[in-house]
Amino acid sequence: MYIEDFEAFYQQSVELYKARPLETRYSIKFRHSEGKLVLKVTDDRTCLKYKTDQQADLRKLERITSIFFPLMACGELPAEGAAGVEAGQQQQQQQAGGTQAAGASSKKARRRG
């Protein structure tokens, strides 16, 4: 069933996951031919979908994805609010930057040696 309001989709999706965490799946599909993005959360009993063709809705995609990835990885909700999400994104960027820097220095060492 398609849900028109993103906030309703978001709340129902989180509730669905909390009710059956081991059976719930979250998927993202982009239909290039139609220019539509479809978000889907299902536990094989209930299927929730949100469809959009607006580029401005990509922030909503980031928001729900930033909730579902930690939920599915460790079973806990991240800190609510922009501060918690921004802190997590900054930490990921720092970790990625550290990994890239370490990889770059080891490549240089191999070339010289």
Protein backbone atom coordinates (compact mmCIF):
# COMPACT_ATOMS: atom_id res chain seq x y z
CA MET A 1 0.00 0.00 0.00
CA TYR A 2 1.36 3.41 -0.94
CA ILE A 3 1.38 6.03 1.78
CA GLU A 4 1.13 9.62 0.56
CA ASP A 5 2.51 11.38 3.66
CA PHE A 6 6.19 10.75 4.38
CA GLU A 7 5.85 11.34 8.13
CA ALA A 8 3.14 8.67 8.35
CA PHE A 9 5.30 6.30 6.29
CA TYR A 10 8.29 7.00 8.52
CA GLN A 11 6.40 6.36 11.78
CA GLN A 12 4.65 3.22 10.52
CA SER A 13 7.93 1.85 9.14
CA VAL A 14 9.76 2.25 12.44
CA GLU A 15 6.83 0.68 14.31
CA LEU A 16 6.75 -2.22 11.86
CA TYR A 17 10.45 -2.81 12.37
CA LYS A 18 10.15 -2.66 16.17
CA ALA A 19 7.32 -5.19 16.08
CA ARG A 20 9.19 -7.75 13.93
CA PRO A 21 12.87 -6.79 13.60
CA LEU A 22 14.13 -10.12 12.25
CA GLU A 23 11.54 -10.32 9.46
CA THR A 24 11.49 -6.68 8.35
CA ARG A 25 13.28 -5.53 5.20
CA TYR A 26 13.90 -2.04 3.84
CA SER A 27 14.54 -1.44 0.16
CA ILE A 28 15.07 1.50 -2.15
CA LYS A 29 14.25 1.36 -5.84
CA PHE A 30 14.74 4.05 -8.46
CA ARG A 31 12.70 3.66 -11.63
CA HIS A 32 14.71 5.61 -14.18
CA SER A 33 12.11 5.28 -16.94
CA GLU A 34 9.50 6.94 -14.73
CA GLY A 35 11.87 9.13 -12.71
CA LYS A 36 10.40 7.81 -9.46
CA LEU A 37 11.97 6.74 -6.21
CA VAL A 38 10.17 4.03 -4.23
CA LEU A 39 10.92 3.24 -0.59
CA LYS A 40 9.55 -0.05 0.70
CA VAL A 41 9.41 -1.56 4.18
CA THR A 42 7.90 -5.02 4.53
CA ASP A 43 7.73 -7.95 6.91
CA ASP A 44 5.90 -10.20 4.39
CA ARG A 45 2.62 -9.50 6.21
CA THR A 46 2.51 -5.74 5.90
CA CYS A 47 3.99 -3.82 2.99
CA LEU A 48 4.48 -0.06 3.28
CA LYS A 49 5.57 1.98 0.25
CA TYR A 50 6.33 5.62 -0.35
CA LYS A 51 6.74 6.92 -3.91
CA THR A 52 8.07 10.30 -5.01
CA ASP A 53 9.36 12.02 -8.12
CA GLN A 54 10.59 15.17 -6.35
CA GLN A 55 14.30 15.80 -6.00
CA ALA A 56 13.67 17.69 -2.76
CA ASP A 57 12.50 14.41 -1.18
CA LEU A 58 16.03 13.02 -1.25
CA ARG A 59 16.57 14.51 2.22
CA LYS A 60 13.70 12.31 3.40
CA LEU A 61 15.48 9.31 1.92
CA GLU A 62 18.62 10.22 3.86
CA ARG A 63 16.59 10.61 7.04
CA ILE A 64 14.92 7.21 6.92
CA THR A 65 18.08 5.47 5.74
CA SER A 66 20.05 6.99 8.63
CA ILE A 67 17.51 5.39 10.96
CA PHE A 68 17.18 1.96 9.34
CA PHE A 69 20.86 1.18 8.86
CA PRO A 70 21.73 1.44 12.58
CA LEU A 71 18.48 -0.29 13.51
CA MET A 72 19.24 -3.24 11.27
CA ALA A 73 22.94 -3.34 12.11
CA CYS A 74 22.84 -3.13 15.90
CA GLY A 75 19.16 -3.02 16.84
CA GLU A 76 19.24 0.43 18.41
CA LEU A 77 17.90 3.75 17.21
CA PRO A 78 20.51 6.46 16.79
CA ALA A 79 20.22 9.69 18.76
CA GLU A 80 17.13 11.51 17.52
CA GLY A 81 17.42 14.94 15.95
CA ALA A 82 19.79 16.58 13.51
CA ALA A 83 22.63 16.75 16.04
CA GLY A 84 22.72 12.96 16.42
CA VAL A 85 22.53 12.31 12.69
CA GLU A 86 25.15 14.97 11.88
CA ALA A 87 27.50 13.59 14.52
CA GLY A 88 27.17 10.12 13.04
CA GLN A 89 27.81 11.43 9.53
CA GLN A 90 30.87 13.38 10.71
CA GLN A 91 32.22 10.30 12.46
CA GLN A 92 31.73 8.22 9.29
CA GLN A 93 33.51 10.86 7.20
CA GLN A 94 36.41 10.96 9.65
CA GLN A 95 36.69 7.18 9.61
CA ALA A 96 36.56 7.12 5.80
CA GLY A 97 39.15 9.92 5.62
CA GLY A 98 41.46 8.05 8.00
CA THR A 99 41.12 4.87 5.97
CA GLN A 100 41.86 6.69 2.73
CA ALA A 101 44.86 8.47 4.21
CA ALA A 102 46.28 5.22 5.56
CA GLY A 103 45.71 3.51 2.23
CA ALA A 104 47.38 6.35 0.31
CA SER A 105 50.49 6.32 2.49
CA SER A 106 50.89 2.56 2.16
CA LYS A 107 50.59 2.81 -1.64
CA LYS A 108 53.31 5.46 -1.70
CA ALA A 109 55.52 3.28 0.49
CA ARG A 110 55.13 0.31 -1.85
CA ARG A 111 55.98 2.39 -4.90
CA ARG A 112 59.15 3.80 -3.35
CA GLY A 113 60.34 0.56 -1.88
